Amino acid sequence: MIIYIVCIAIIGGVIALDLVTKSLAVSYSFDMVVIPKLIKFKLTYNTGAAFSFLGDKEWAQAFFIILTFIVLILMVGFVVFKIVKKQKLSKWILVALSLAFSGAIGNLIDRLSFSKVRDFIFLFYETDIFPAIFNVADIALVVGVIMICFYLLFLDKDALFRKQPKEDSSGKTDDNG
């Protein structure tokens, strides 16, 4: 039960931090170097997805809003389904889903309110490395998705790369393996 309270706190905390930092970026029109050539705060607006993907398409905002609602419904449905079936969810996957959920909500709020997403953390500016610009919601979303992928690849009982217990000649498995 405590893990669900922690997940709600993560969701609320990430959304609040995202909205506060975006509001500060707008209020102060950030353009400040944090670490030369590495990190700079500079307010920009993104009408697309990652790296302005589809930002030049008129239908993109509606598409991203609908897609976000579908993904949010699927995430909530997954958790509710597991709870109703009395199947235990790992703390790892619950935290991962909370991060991804809160990141999606943070950017959805921007899309619904402004028809664009407010970004302000500029990474690798003025370098030959491909620059990235993002916000707190993007960080939570990416970390959550990476955690979900890691869980599915390595931690889940049916994970693709999970070390399987060894069988001895009698057919018994050695879980110490």
C-alpha atoms as a PDB file:
ATOM      1  CA  MET A   1       0.000   0.000   0.000  1.00  0.00           C
ATOM      2  CA  ILE A   2       2.882   2.369   0.793  1.00  0.00           C
ATOM      3  CA  ILE A   3       4.207   1.998  -2.766  1.00  0.00           C
ATOM      4  CA  TYR A   4       0.956   3.397  -4.165  1.00  0.00           C
ATOM      5  CA  ILE A   5       1.287   6.455  -1.911  1.00  0.00           C
ATOM      6  CA  VAL A   6       4.887   6.848  -3.095  1.00  0.00           C
ATOM      7  CA  CYS A   7       3.720   6.603  -6.730  1.00  0.00           C
ATOM      8  CA  ILE A   8       1.041   9.240  -6.188  1.00  0.00           C
ATOM      9  CA  ALA A   9       3.681  11.461  -4.555  1.00  0.00           C
ATOM     10  CA  ILE A  10       6.011  10.937  -7.535  1.00  0.00           C
ATOM     11  CA  ILE A  11       3.238  11.833  -9.975  1.00  0.00           C
ATOM     12  CA  GLY A  12       2.208  14.934  -8.031  1.00  0.00           C
ATOM     13  CA  GLY A  13       5.801  16.003  -7.398  1.00  0.00           C
ATOM     14  CA  VAL A  14       6.951  15.641 -11.004  1.00  0.00           C
ATOM     15  CA  ILE A  15       3.897  17.441 -12.390  1.00  0.00           C
ATOM     16  CA  ALA A  16       4.290  20.270  -9.859  1.00  0.00           C
ATOM     17  CA  LEU A  17       8.037  20.605 -10.503  1.00  0.00           C
ATOM     18  CA  ASP A  18       7.436  20.568 -14.258  1.00  0.00           C
ATOM     19  CA  LEU A  19       4.757  23.261 -14.133  1.00  0.00           C
ATOM     20  CA  VAL A  20       6.719  25.462 -11.714  1.00  0.00           C
ATOM     21  CA  THR A  21       9.940  25.273 -13.742  1.00  0.00           C
ATOM     22  CA  LYS A  22       8.091  25.965 -17.002  1.00  0.00           C
ATOM     23  CA  SER A  23       6.333  28.947 -15.410  1.00  0.00           C
ATOM     24  CA  LEU A  24       9.666  30.284 -14.150  1.00  0.00           C
ATOM     25  CA  ALA A  25      11.176  29.839 -17.604  1.00  0.00           C
ATOM     26  CA  VAL A  26       8.348  31.877 -19.127  1.00  0.00           C
ATOM     27  CA  SER A  27       8.277  34.527 -16.369  1.00  0.00           C
ATOM     28  CA  TYR A  28      11.995  35.181 -16.512  1.00  0.00           C
ATOM     29  CA  SER A  29      12.513  34.422 -20.230  1.00  0.00           C
ATOM     30  CA  PHE A  30      15.440  32.177 -19.345  1.00  0.00           C
ATOM     31  CA  ASP A  31      18.619  32.558 -21.357  1.00  0.00           C
ATOM     32  CA  MET A  32      21.299  31.608 -18.860  1.00  0.00           C
ATOM     33  CA  VAL A  33      24.443  29.475 -19.171  1.00  0.00           C
ATOM     34  CA  VAL A  34      24.727  26.873 -16.421  1.00  0.00           C
ATOM     35  CA  ILE A  35      27.796  24.981 -17.699  1.00  0.00           C
ATOM     36  CA  PRO A  36      29.505  26.501 -20.780  1.00  0.00           C
ATOM     37  CA  LYS A  37      28.816  24.556 -23.994  1.00  0.00           C
ATOM     38  CA  LEU A  38      27.011  21.836 -22.012  1.00  0.00           C
ATOM     39  CA  ILE A  39      23.888  23.157 -20.246  1.00  0.00           C
ATOM     40  CA  LYS A  40      22.011  26.369 -20.782  1.00  0.00           C
ATOM     41  CA  PHE A  41      18.507  27.424 -19.786  1.00  0.00           C
ATOM     42  CA  LYS A  42      16.768  28.988 -22.756  1.00  0.00           C
ATOM     43  CA  LEU A  43      13.020  29.095 -23.267  1.00  0.00           C
ATOM     44  CA  THR A  44      11.718  27.616 -26.502  1.00  0.00           C
ATOM     45  CA  TYR A  45       8.396  26.228 -27.655  1.00  0.00           C
ATOM     46  CA  ASN A  46       7.967  22.863 -29.326  1.00  0.00           C
ATOM     47  CA  THR A  47       4.869  22.176 -31.405  1.00  0.00           C
ATOM     48  CA  GLY A  48       6.029  18.635 -32.201  1.00  0.00           C
ATOM     49  CA  ALA A  49       7.391  15.698 -30.261  1.00  0.00           C
ATOM     50  CA  ALA A  50      11.045  14.862 -29.571  1.00  0.00           C
ATOM     51  CA  PHE A  51      13.378  17.036 -31.663  1.00  0.00           C
ATOM     52  CA  SER A  52      10.289  18.855 -33.031  1.00  0.00           C
ATOM     53  CA  PHE A  53       9.135  15.700 -34.829  1.00  0.00           C
ATOM     54  CA  LEU A  54       5.993  16.573 -36.837  1.00  0.00           C
ATOM     55  CA  GLY A  55       6.102  20.128 -35.466  1.00  0.00           C
ATOM     56  CA  ASP A  56       5.405  21.588 -38.890  1.00  0.00           C
ATOM     57  CA  LYS A  57       2.198  19.592 -39.374  1.00  0.00           C
ATOM     58  CA  GLU A  58      -1.119  21.282 -38.572  1.00  0.00           C
ATOM     59  CA  TRP A  59      -2.646  18.061 -37.291  1.00  0.00           C
ATOM     60  CA  ALA A  60       0.283  17.204 -34.981  1.00  0.00           C
ATOM     61  CA  GLN A  61      -1.142  18.754 -31.780  1.00  0.00           C
ATOM     62  CA  ALA A  62      -4.412  16.838 -32.093  1.00  0.00           C
ATOM     63  CA  PHE A  63      -2.476  13.652 -32.871  1.00  0.00           C
ATOM     64  CA  PHE A  64      -0.167  14.021 -29.833  1.00  0.00           C
ATOM     65  CA  ILE A  65      -3.061  14.885 -27.524  1.00  0.00           C
ATOM     66  CA  ILE A  66      -5.074  11.844 -28.639  1.00  0.00           C
ATOM     67  CA  LEU A  67      -2.014   9.581 -28.490  1.00  0.00           C
ATOM     68  CA  THR A  68      -1.196  10.808 -24.982  1.00  0.00           C
ATOM     69  CA  PHE A  69      -4.736  10.142 -23.760  1.00  0.00           C
ATOM     70  CA  ILE A  70      -4.616   6.617 -25.228  1.00  0.00           C
ATOM     71  CA  VAL A  71      -1.273   5.852 -23.573  1.00  0.00           C
ATOM     72  CA  LEU A  72      -2.424   7.289 -20.220  1.00  0.00           C
ATOM     73  CA  ILE A  73      -5.603   5.197 -20.341  1.00  0.00           C
ATOM     74  CA  LEU A  74      -3.568   2.081 -21.156  1.00  0.00           C
ATOM     75  CA  MET A  75      -1.178   2.734 -18.249  1.00  0.00           C
ATOM     76  CA  VAL A  76      -4.000   3.266 -15.755  1.00  0.00           C
ATOM     77  CA  GLY A  77      -5.898   0.295 -17.188  1.00  0.00           C
ATOM     78  CA  PHE A  78      -2.840  -1.947 -16.817  1.00  0.00           C
ATOM     79  CA  VAL A  79      -2.389  -1.041 -13.143  1.00  0.00           C
ATOM     80  CA  VAL A  80      -6.108  -1.337 -12.362  1.00  0.00           C
ATOM     81  CA  PHE A  81      -6.281  -4.700 -14.173  1.00  0.00           C
ATOM     82  CA  LYS A  82      -3.367  -6.045 -12.115  1.00  0.00           C
ATOM     83  CA  ILE A  83      -4.925  -4.769  -8.859  1.00  0.00           C
ATOM     84  CA  VAL A  84      -8.348  -6.250  -9.677  1.00  0.00           C
ATOM     85  CA  LYS A  85      -6.748  -9.596 -10.609  1.00  0.00           C
ATOM     86  CA  LYS A  86      -4.779  -9.401  -7.339  1.00  0.00           C
ATOM     87  CA  GLN A  87      -1.531  -9.717  -9.271  1.00  0.00           C
ATOM     88  CA  LYS A  88       1.401  -8.065  -7.588  1.00  0.00           C
ATOM     89  CA  LEU A  89       3.216  -5.348  -9.531  1.00  0.00           C
ATOM     90  CA  SER A  90       6.886  -4.800  -8.795  1.00  0.00           C
ATOM     91  CA  LYS A  91       7.898  -1.559  -7.134  1.00  0.00           C
ATOM     92  CA  TRP A  92      10.260  -0.954 -10.055  1.00  0.00           C
ATOM     93  CA  ILE A  93       7.499  -1.031 -12.672  1.00  0.00           C
ATOM     94  CA  LEU A  94       5.165   1.072 -10.504  1.00  0.00           C
ATOM     95  CA  VAL A  95       7.792   3.791 -10.120  1.00  0.00           C
ATOM     96  CA  ALA A  96       8.606   3.578 -13.846  1.00  0.00           C
ATOM     97  CA  LEU A  97       4.936   3.923 -14.781  1.00  0.00           C
ATOM     98  CA  SER A  98       4.562   6.837 -12.340  1.00  0.00           C
ATOM     99  CA  LEU A  99       7.460   8.693 -13.960  1.00  0.00           C
ATOM    100  CA  ALA A 100       6.228   8.046 -17.504  1.00  0.00           C
ATOM    101  CA  PHE A 101       2.660   8.962 -16.516  1.00  0.00           C
ATOM    102  CA  SER A 102       3.661  12.229 -14.834  1.00  0.00           C
ATOM    103  CA  GLY A 103       5.895  13.226 -17.745  1.00  0.00           C
ATOM    104  CA  ALA A 104       3.099  12.596 -20.214  1.00  0.00           C
ATOM    105  CA  ILE A 105       0.656  14.608 -18.074  1.00  0.00           C
ATOM    106  CA  GLY A 106       3.101  17.531 -17.765  1.00  0.00           C
ATOM    107  CA  ASN A 107       3.459  17.878 -21.515  1.00  0.00           C
ATOM    108  CA  LEU A 108      -0.241  17.187 -22.095  1.00  0.00           C
ATOM    109  CA  ILE A 109      -1.088  20.144 -19.862  1.00  0.00           C
ATOM    110  CA  ASP A 110       1.100  22.348 -22.087  1.00  0.00           C
ATOM    111  CA  ARG A 111      -0.431  21.015 -25.294  1.00  0.00           C
ATOM    112  CA  LEU A 112      -3.973  21.579 -24.015  1.00  0.00           C
ATOM    113  CA  SER A 113      -3.175  25.012 -22.565  1.00  0.00           C
ATOM    114  CA  PHE A 114      -0.795  26.485 -25.149  1.00  0.00           C
ATOM    115  CA  SER A 115      -0.896  24.159 -28.197  1.00  0.00           C
ATOM    116  CA  LYS A 116       2.847  23.683 -27.722  1.00  0.00           C
ATOM    117  CA  VAL A 117       5.271  22.424 -25.087  1.00  0.00           C
ATOM    118  CA  ARG A 118       7.515  24.785 -23.153  1.00  0.00           C
ATOM    119  CA  ASP A 119      11.124  23.531 -23.183  1.00  0.00           C
ATOM    120  CA  PHE A 120      14.023  25.265 -21.487  1.00  0.00           C
ATOM    121  CA  ILE A 121      16.908  22.885 -20.664  1.00  0.00           C
ATOM    122  CA  PHE A 122      19.330  23.118 -23.571  1.00  0.00           C
ATOM    123  CA  LEU A 123      22.014  20.404 -23.640  1.00  0.00           C
ATOM    124  CA  PHE A 124      25.151  20.479 -25.818  1.00  0.00           C
ATOM    125  CA  TYR A 125      24.483  23.950 -27.188  1.00  0.00           C
ATOM    126  CA  GLU A 126      27.172  25.502 -29.412  1.00  0.00           C
ATOM    127  CA  THR A 127      28.929  22.149 -29.890  1.00  0.00           C
ATOM    128  CA  ASP A 128      29.264  19.610 -32.685  1.00  0.00           C
ATOM    129  CA  ILE A 129      27.214  17.177 -30.619  1.00  0.00           C
ATOM    130  CA  PHE A 130      23.543  17.108 -31.585  1.00  0.00           C
ATOM    131  CA  PRO A 131      21.849  19.566 -29.202  1.00  0.00           C
ATOM    132  CA  ALA A 132      18.774  18.613 -27.210  1.00  0.00           C
ATOM    133  CA  ILE A 133      16.252  20.871 -25.542  1.00  0.00           C
ATOM    134  CA  PHE A 134      13.718  19.543 -23.080  1.00  0.00           C
ATOM    135  CA  ASN A 135      11.906  20.059 -19.770  1.00  0.00           C
ATOM    136  CA  VAL A 136      11.283  18.256 -16.463  1.00  0.00           C
ATOM    137  CA  ALA A 137       8.328  16.300 -17.919  1.00  0.00           C
ATOM    138  CA  ASP A 138      10.551  15.026 -20.730  1.00  0.00           C
ATOM    139  CA  ILE A 139      13.150  13.841 -18.209  1.00  0.00           C
ATOM    140  CA  ALA A 140      10.536  11.946 -16.176  1.00  0.00           C
ATOM    141  CA  LEU A 141       8.992  10.444 -19.301  1.00  0.00           C
ATOM    142  CA  VAL A 142      12.312   9.255 -20.735  1.00  0.00           C
ATOM    143  CA  VAL A 143      13.552   7.853 -17.407  1.00  0.00           C
ATOM    144  CA  GLY A 144      10.222   6.068 -16.900  1.00  0.00           C
ATOM    145  CA  VAL A 145      10.269   4.530 -20.389  1.00  0.00           C
ATOM    146  CA  ILE A 146      13.902   3.426 -19.984  1.00  0.00           C
ATOM    147  CA  MET A 147      12.992   1.815 -16.647  1.00  0.00           C
ATOM    148  CA  ILE A 148      10.034   0.017 -18.268  1.00  0.00           C
ATOM    149  CA  CYS A 149      12.257  -1.288 -21.078  1.00  0.00           C
ATOM    150  CA  PHE A 150      14.938  -2.394 -18.586  1.00  0.00           C
ATOM    151  CA  TYR A 151      12.290  -4.192 -16.542  1.00  0.00           C
ATOM    152  CA  LEU A 152      10.862  -5.979 -19.571  1.00  0.00           C
ATOM    153  CA  LEU A 153      14.316  -6.968 -20.847  1.00  0.00           C
ATOM    154  CA  PHE A 154      16.029  -7.961 -17.592  1.00  0.00           C
ATOM    155  CA  LEU A 155      13.831  -8.014 -14.474  1.00  0.00           C
ATOM    156  CA  ASP A 156      10.429  -9.446 -15.402  1.00  0.00           C
ATOM    157  CA  LYS A 157       9.980 -13.177 -14.771  1.00  0.00           C
ATOM    158  CA  ASP A 158       9.633 -13.644 -18.548  1.00  0.00           C
ATOM    159  CA  ALA A 159      12.341 -11.121 -19.457  1.00  0.00           C
ATOM    160  CA  LEU A 160      14.270 -11.709 -22.659  1.00  0.00           C
ATOM    161  CA  PHE A 161      17.687 -11.437 -21.005  1.00  0.00           C
ATOM    162  CA  ARG A 162      16.894 -12.740 -17.536  1.00  0.00           C
ATOM    163  CA  LYS A 163      19.290 -15.390 -16.304  1.00  0.00           C
ATOM    164  CA  GLN A 164      17.367 -18.642 -16.191  1.00  0.00           C
ATOM    165  CA  PRO A 165      17.855 -21.148 -13.356  1.00  0.00           C
ATOM    166  CA  LYS A 166      19.981 -24.160 -14.305  1.00  0.00           C
ATOM    167  CA  GLU A 167      18.481 -27.624 -14.463  1.00  0.00           C
ATOM    168  CA  ASP A 168      20.378 -30.574 -13.039  1.00  0.00           C
ATOM    169  CA  SER A 169      20.222 -34.077 -14.529  1.00  0.00           C
ATOM    170  CA  SER A 170      17.122 -34.930 -12.467  1.00  0.00           C
ATOM    171  CA  GLY A 171      15.151 -32.069 -14.071  1.00  0.00           C
ATOM    172  CA  LYS A 172      15.150 -29.946 -10.930  1.00  0.00           C
ATOM    173  CA  THR A 173      15.969 -26.279 -11.270  1.00  0.00           C
ATOM    174  CA  ASP A 174      18.738 -24.611  -9.329  1.00  0.00           C
ATOM    175  CA  ASP A 175      17.479 -21.164  -8.402  1.00  0.00           C
ATOM    176  CA  ASN A 176      20.901 -20.152  -7.049  1.00  0.00           C
ATOM    177  CA  GLY A 177      22.267 -20.300 -10.528  1.00  0.00           C
END
